[in-house]
Protein backbone atom coordinates (compact mmCIF):
# COMPACT_ATOMS: atom_id res chain seq x y z
CA MET A 1 17.43 -167.71 105.64
CA MET A 2 21.03 -167.69 106.93
CA LEU A 3 21.71 -165.17 109.70
CA ASP A 4 24.93 -163.16 109.79
CA PRO A 5 25.39 -161.85 113.33
CA THR A 6 28.78 -160.32 112.45
CA THR A 7 27.31 -157.54 110.29
CA PRO A 8 26.48 -154.44 112.34
CA VAL A 9 23.46 -152.25 111.74
CA LYS A 10 24.33 -149.21 109.65
CA PRO A 11 22.19 -146.14 110.38
CA VAL A 12 21.10 -143.92 107.51
CA SER A 13 23.23 -140.85 108.16
CA ASP A 14 24.87 -139.96 104.85
CA VAL A 15 23.33 -136.58 104.04
CA ALA A 16 25.45 -136.26 100.89
CA ALA A 17 24.01 -139.50 99.52
CA LEU A 18 20.52 -138.44 100.58
CA LEU A 19 20.65 -135.16 98.67
CA ASP A 20 22.27 -136.85 95.69
CA ALA A 21 19.29 -139.22 95.61
CA MET A 22 16.89 -136.29 96.07
CA SER A 23 18.36 -134.69 92.93
CA ARG A 24 16.64 -137.52 91.04
CA THR A 25 13.23 -137.01 92.66
CA GLY A 26 10.77 -134.22 91.88
CA PHE A 27 9.64 -130.73 92.89
CA GLN A 28 11.72 -128.79 95.44
CA GLY A 29 13.38 -131.96 96.73
CA ARG A 30 15.03 -132.29 93.34
CA LYS A 31 16.03 -128.62 93.36
CA LEU A 32 17.61 -128.98 96.79
CA GLY A 33 19.65 -131.94 95.58
CA GLU A 34 20.61 -130.18 92.35
CA SER A 35 21.80 -127.14 94.31
CA VAL A 36 24.40 -129.29 96.08
CA THR A 37 25.69 -130.52 92.72
CA VAL A 38 26.06 -126.96 91.41
CA TRP A 39 27.70 -125.71 94.62
CA ARG A 40 30.12 -128.64 94.65
CA THR A 41 31.03 -127.87 91.03
CA MET A 42 31.82 -124.28 92.01
CA ILE A 43 34.00 -125.41 94.93
CA GLU A 44 35.97 -127.80 92.73
CA ASP A 45 36.63 -125.20 90.01
CA PRO A 46 39.74 -123.18 91.01
CA GLN A 47 38.75 -120.38 88.62
CA VAL A 48 35.47 -119.65 90.45
CA SER A 49 34.99 -117.10 93.22
CA ILE A 50 31.81 -117.75 95.24
CA LEU A 51 29.77 -114.84 96.55
CA LEU A 52 27.20 -115.52 99.29
CA GLY A 53 24.18 -113.25 99.77
CA LEU A 54 22.76 -113.51 103.29
CA SER A 55 19.37 -112.08 104.22
CA GLY A 56 16.61 -113.06 106.63
CA ALA A 57 17.14 -113.68 110.34
CA MET A 58 19.56 -116.56 109.83
CA ILE A 59 21.73 -116.02 112.92
CA PRO A 60 18.80 -115.79 115.38
CA ALA A 61 17.34 -118.88 113.72
CA GLY A 62 20.43 -120.92 114.64
CA MET A 63 22.25 -120.96 111.28
CA GLN A 64 25.49 -119.48 112.65
CA GLU A 65 27.45 -122.75 112.79
CA CYS A 66 26.47 -123.65 109.21
CA LEU A 67 27.72 -120.29 107.99
CA ILE A 68 30.94 -120.60 109.99
CA GLU A 69 31.61 -123.99 108.40
CA LEU A 70 31.04 -122.58 104.91
CA VAL A 71 33.78 -120.02 105.58
CA ASN A 72 36.11 -122.40 107.44
CA ARG A 73 36.06 -124.80 104.48
CA ARG A 74 36.29 -121.98 101.91
CA TYR A 75 32.97 -122.89 100.31
CA VAL A 76 32.46 -119.13 99.94
CA ASP A 77 34.94 -116.37 99.10
CA ALA A 78 32.98 -113.23 100.01
CA ILE A 79 29.74 -112.43 101.81
CA VAL A 80 27.14 -109.72 101.32
CA SER A 81 24.82 -109.58 104.31
CA THR A 82 22.09 -107.57 105.91
CA GLY A 83 23.34 -105.58 108.88
CA ALA A 84 20.92 -107.45 111.14
CA ASN A 85 22.55 -110.84 110.56
CA ILE A 86 25.99 -109.52 111.43
CA PHE A 87 24.63 -107.64 114.46
CA HIS A 88 23.09 -110.85 115.82
CA ASP A 89 26.36 -112.64 115.02
CA ILE A 90 28.25 -110.05 117.09
CA CYS A 91 25.74 -110.56 119.91
CA GLU A 92 26.55 -114.28 119.96
CA HIS A 93 30.28 -113.52 119.96
CA CYS A 94 29.80 -111.27 123.00
CA GLY A 95 27.78 -113.92 124.88
CA VAL A 96 24.31 -112.51 124.13
CA ARG A 97 22.10 -115.44 123.18
CA HIS A 98 18.90 -116.03 121.23
CA TYR A 99 16.36 -118.34 122.87
CA ILE A 100 13.70 -120.81 121.82
CA GLY A 101 10.31 -119.11 122.10
CA TYR A 102 6.97 -119.53 120.38
CA HIS A 103 5.16 -117.61 117.66
CA HIS A 104 1.76 -117.40 119.35
CA ALA A 105 3.01 -115.34 122.30
CA ASP A 106 1.29 -112.26 123.72
CA ASP A 107 3.51 -109.56 122.21
CA THR A 108 2.24 -106.84 124.55
CA GLN A 109 3.29 -109.01 127.47
CA LEU A 110 6.65 -109.65 125.83
CA PHE A 111 7.18 -105.91 125.40
CA GLU A 112 6.41 -105.33 129.06
CA GLN A 113 8.99 -108.00 129.96
CA GLY A 114 11.64 -106.54 127.65
CA ILE A 115 11.62 -109.52 125.31
CA ASP A 116 11.98 -109.14 121.53
CA ARG A 117 10.36 -111.77 119.28
CA ILE A 118 11.66 -112.98 115.92
CA TYR A 119 8.82 -115.34 114.98
CA ASP A 120 9.49 -118.19 117.46
CA VAL A 121 12.85 -116.93 118.75
CA PHE A 122 13.16 -114.68 121.83
CA ALA A 123 15.90 -112.28 122.89
CA TYR A 124 16.30 -109.61 125.57
CA GLU A 125 16.05 -106.01 124.39
CA GLU A 126 18.32 -104.75 127.18
CA GLN A 127 21.08 -107.10 126.03
CA PHE A 128 20.70 -105.90 122.43
CA ARG A 129 21.08 -102.33 123.65
CA GLU A 130 24.24 -103.34 125.47
CA VAL A 131 25.66 -104.59 122.17
CA ASP A 132 24.62 -101.33 120.49
CA ASN A 133 26.85 -99.60 123.03
CA ILE A 134 29.65 -102.13 122.50
CA ILE A 135 29.62 -101.18 118.81
CA ALA A 136 29.64 -97.49 119.78
CA GLN A 137 32.56 -98.22 122.13
CA PHE A 138 34.47 -99.91 119.31
CA SER A 139 33.77 -96.96 117.02
CA ARG A 140 35.61 -94.69 119.42
CA THR A 141 38.76 -96.73 118.74
CA CYS A 142 38.64 -95.92 115.03
CA GLN A 143 37.74 -92.24 115.11
CA GLY A 144 38.28 -90.72 111.68
CA PHE A 145 37.75 -94.02 109.83
CA GLU A 146 36.58 -93.68 106.26
CA GLY A 147 36.16 -96.76 104.10
CA SER A 148 33.91 -99.51 102.87
CA SER A 149 31.64 -101.56 105.10
CA ALA A 150 33.91 -104.55 104.42
CA SER A 151 36.89 -102.64 105.83
CA PHE A 152 34.85 -101.50 108.82
CA ILE A 153 33.54 -105.01 109.60
CA LYS A 154 37.06 -106.42 109.28
CA LYS A 155 38.30 -103.93 111.88
CA LEU A 156 35.31 -104.75 114.08
CA GLY A 157 36.00 -108.48 113.74
CA GLN A 158 39.65 -108.03 114.70
CA TRP A 159 38.57 -106.00 117.75
CA LEU A 160 36.09 -108.71 118.76
CA ILE A 161 38.79 -111.38 118.58
CA GLU A 162 41.07 -109.30 120.81
CA THR A 163 38.40 -108.06 123.24
CA TYR A 164 36.31 -111.25 123.48
CA PRO A 165 38.87 -114.02 122.78
CA GLN A 166 36.50 -116.76 123.98
CA GLY A 167 33.79 -115.68 121.55
CA ARG A 168 32.85 -117.42 118.32
CA SER A 169 31.21 -115.79 115.33
CA LEU A 170 30.91 -115.69 111.57
CA THR A 171 32.46 -112.20 111.66
CA ALA A 172 35.58 -113.38 113.49
CA THR A 173 35.86 -116.47 111.28
CA CYS A 174 35.76 -114.30 108.15
CA VAL A 175 38.58 -112.15 109.55
CA MET A 176 40.70 -115.25 110.19
CA HIS A 177 40.16 -116.53 106.65
CA ASN A 178 40.30 -113.12 104.93
CA VAL A 179 36.74 -113.42 103.63
CA PRO A 180 35.24 -109.93 103.27
CA ILE A 181 31.76 -109.15 104.59
CA PHE A 182 29.98 -106.34 102.76
CA ILE A 183 26.90 -104.73 104.32
CA PRO A 184 25.47 -102.37 101.68
CA ALA A 185 22.59 -101.25 103.96
CA LEU A 186 24.65 -100.97 107.12
CA CYS A 187 22.59 -98.18 108.70
CA ASP A 188 19.46 -100.33 108.41
CA SER A 189 20.43 -102.41 111.44
CA SER A 190 21.49 -102.20 115.06
CA ILE A 191 25.06 -101.75 113.85
CA GLY A 192 23.77 -98.51 112.37
CA ILE A 193 22.17 -97.67 115.72
CA GLY A 194 25.54 -98.17 117.42
CA LEU A 195 27.19 -95.84 114.91
CA VAL A 196 24.51 -93.20 115.47
CA ILE A 197 25.20 -93.41 119.22
CA ALA A 198 28.91 -92.93 118.50
CA ARG A 199 28.24 -89.98 116.19
CA ARG A 200 26.07 -88.21 118.77
CA GLN A 201 28.91 -88.68 121.25
CA GLY A 202 31.25 -86.90 118.85
CA ASN A 203 32.95 -90.04 117.49
CA SER A 204 31.96 -90.01 113.86
CA ILE A 205 33.15 -92.48 111.24
CA ILE A 206 32.23 -92.66 107.57
CA VAL A 207 31.21 -95.92 105.93
CA ASP A 208 31.39 -95.36 102.18
CA GLN A 209 28.69 -97.48 100.54
CA ILE A 210 29.75 -96.45 97.01
CA ARG A 211 33.18 -97.87 97.81
CA ASP A 212 31.38 -101.11 98.73
CA ALA A 213 29.98 -101.37 95.21
CA ASP A 214 33.38 -100.57 93.70
CA GLU A 215 35.32 -103.05 95.88
CA ILE A 216 33.02 -106.02 95.33
CA THR A 217 32.89 -105.32 91.60
CA ALA A 218 36.70 -105.25 91.52
CA LEU A 219 36.65 -108.68 93.17
CA VAL A 220 34.37 -109.94 90.37
CA GLU A 221 36.47 -108.30 87.66
CA LYS A 222 39.71 -109.98 88.72
CA THR A 223 38.32 -113.52 88.77
CA ARG A 224 37.76 -115.72 85.72
CA LYS A 225 34.34 -116.98 86.80
CA THR A 226 31.86 -116.17 89.54
CA GLY A 227 29.26 -118.23 91.35
CA VAL A 228 26.52 -116.75 93.53
CA VAL A 229 24.55 -118.33 96.37
CA TYR A 230 21.60 -116.45 97.84
CA ILE A 231 20.09 -117.26 101.21
CA GLY A 232 16.83 -115.37 100.72
CA GLY A 233 16.93 -112.27 98.54
CA GLY A 234 16.67 -108.59 99.39
CA VAL A 235 19.49 -106.06 99.17
CA PRO A 236 22.31 -108.68 99.35
CA LYS A 237 20.97 -110.43 96.24
CA ASN A 238 20.77 -107.36 94.03
CA PHE A 239 24.04 -105.95 95.36
CA ILE A 240 25.82 -109.07 94.12
CA GLN A 241 23.78 -109.30 90.92
CA GLN A 242 24.63 -105.76 89.86
CA THR A 243 28.38 -106.37 90.00
CA GLN A 244 28.16 -107.87 86.52
CA VAL A 245 26.34 -104.80 85.24
CA ILE A 246 28.94 -102.44 86.74
CA ALA A 247 31.76 -104.61 85.39
CA SER A 248 30.24 -104.42 81.91
CA ILE A 249 30.92 -100.66 81.82
CA HIS A 250 34.58 -101.47 81.17
CA LYS A 251 33.88 -104.44 78.87
CA SER A 252 32.39 -104.78 75.40
CA HIS A 253 29.63 -106.96 76.84
CA CYS A 254 28.24 -108.16 80.16
CA SER A 255 29.12 -111.80 80.72
CA GLY A 256 27.03 -112.51 83.83
CA HIS A 257 27.62 -114.87 86.74
CA ASP A 258 28.52 -118.43 85.69
CA TYR A 259 26.77 -120.29 88.52
CA ALA A 260 23.75 -119.29 90.60
CA ILE A 261 21.86 -120.85 93.52
CA GLN A 262 19.03 -119.39 95.58
CA TYR A 263 17.08 -120.70 98.56
CA THR A 264 13.98 -118.58 98.97
CA THR A 265 10.30 -118.61 99.86
CA ASP A 266 9.60 -115.60 97.62
CA THR A 267 7.88 -116.12 94.30
CA PRO A 268 8.40 -114.28 90.98
CA HIS A 269 4.82 -113.38 90.07
CA PHE A 270 4.61 -110.38 92.42
CA GLY A 271 7.51 -108.70 90.59
CA GLY A 272 9.90 -108.45 93.55
CA LEU A 273 13.64 -108.93 93.19
CA SER A 274 13.80 -111.52 95.99
CA GLY A 275 11.65 -113.95 94.01
CA CYS A 276 12.98 -112.95 90.59
CA THR A 277 14.08 -115.96 88.55
CA PHE A 278 17.60 -116.38 87.23
CA GLU A 279 16.07 -116.61 83.74
CA GLU A 280 14.82 -113.04 84.16
CA ALA A 281 18.26 -112.02 85.41
CA ILE A 282 19.79 -113.26 82.14
CA SER A 283 17.88 -110.50 80.33
CA TRP A 284 19.74 -107.96 82.47
CA GLY A 285 23.13 -109.59 81.93
CA LYS A 286 23.36 -110.49 85.61
CA GLU A 287 23.56 -114.22 84.90
CA SER A 288 25.32 -115.62 81.85
CA CYS A 289 23.30 -117.28 79.10
CA THR A 290 25.02 -120.58 79.93
CA CYS A 291 24.76 -120.16 83.71
CA SER A 292 24.33 -123.35 85.75
CA LYS A 293 21.44 -122.22 87.93
CA VAL A 294 19.11 -123.67 90.56
CA GLN A 295 16.43 -121.93 92.58
CA CYS A 296 15.00 -123.95 95.44
CA PHE A 297 11.78 -122.58 96.91
CA CYS A 298 12.33 -123.70 100.47
CA ASP A 299 12.75 -122.26 103.97
CA ALA A 300 16.48 -121.54 104.28
CA THR A 301 16.53 -122.97 107.83
CA ILE A 302 15.68 -126.32 106.23
CA ALA A 303 17.91 -126.01 103.18
CA LEU A 304 21.08 -124.58 104.71
CA PRO A 305 21.83 -127.29 107.33
CA LEU A 306 21.12 -130.06 104.81
CA VAL A 307 23.20 -128.50 102.04
CA THR A 308 26.10 -127.62 104.36
CA SER A 309 26.14 -131.17 105.73
CA ALA A 310 26.00 -132.63 102.22
CA LEU A 311 28.93 -130.49 101.02
CA ILE A 312 31.01 -131.52 104.04
CA GLY A 313 29.97 -135.15 103.64
CA SER A 314 30.88 -135.31 99.96
CA GLU A 315 34.27 -133.78 100.78
CA ALA A 316 34.86 -136.51 103.38
CA VAL A 317 33.87 -139.21 100.89
CA ARG A 318 36.33 -137.87 98.30
CA ALA A 319 39.11 -137.70 100.89
CA ALA A 320 38.42 -141.29 101.96
CA LYS A 321 38.53 -142.52 98.35
CA LYS A 322 41.87 -140.77 97.77
CA SER A 323 43.38 -142.50 100.80
CA GLU A 324 42.26 -146.00 99.69
């Protein structure tokens, strides 16, 4: 055998190629690969607006940079999130960190030490309370505010950029790229706690959750096609799903979302919305009958970094081919 010492070793590092190959395997590996194909199709279609539903403790679990990249590269056009994710995102912006812990800790001992546990992630309760008060402090600057959660979070993001210019967060990134963040259950989070503190101090603001539903539906109504991506399920999933139902009030029929992806560990046979299949959603008119849809039953902390890297990698490959 002839040796060729001029050919360097090439490490296997092309995540885009890996997931493309996985799309031709089986089980959830195939679904993960197929989800990249559907998401890439959405990105490449200028008529599609992409709505991201974000639930679960994604920010504490270290997914912040993935989410920031999705917004930076305009792989999503609007976000519907739990309040908790955005609260933890604000914490990171203000320098409050989440730490590697372990799930088999003594929780009584953690409580005595002022440590909060999110499975195997630790954080300091006192620091969270400081951020509650930061949110209350911000609220005093917009006394008399009345509007949607998206408008409120935009104002909060702008304030964070000005007050903590060295900080980095999904919230601030969305402000810079004009990507709205809706939080339809805002009071069910530490952001809500901060607003309660402000109210009891005489600095009341009104976040209009009905306006949330109206504003996000208007976004859906003015675009030709919509694609949805759900990280987990919960309130963000149904809040986005129902936009098609609301939009149908002013149409002769309900067209449904054109593309749909979900990464979840919930299953459909218990009847919960989080595990509900997109096939079931077709019966409600929430997904179109011709919807390109993929549900991957996988921990989102596995799926999201791989899918984000694959989307970025495939973009780089296309750019390289164009320059050849």
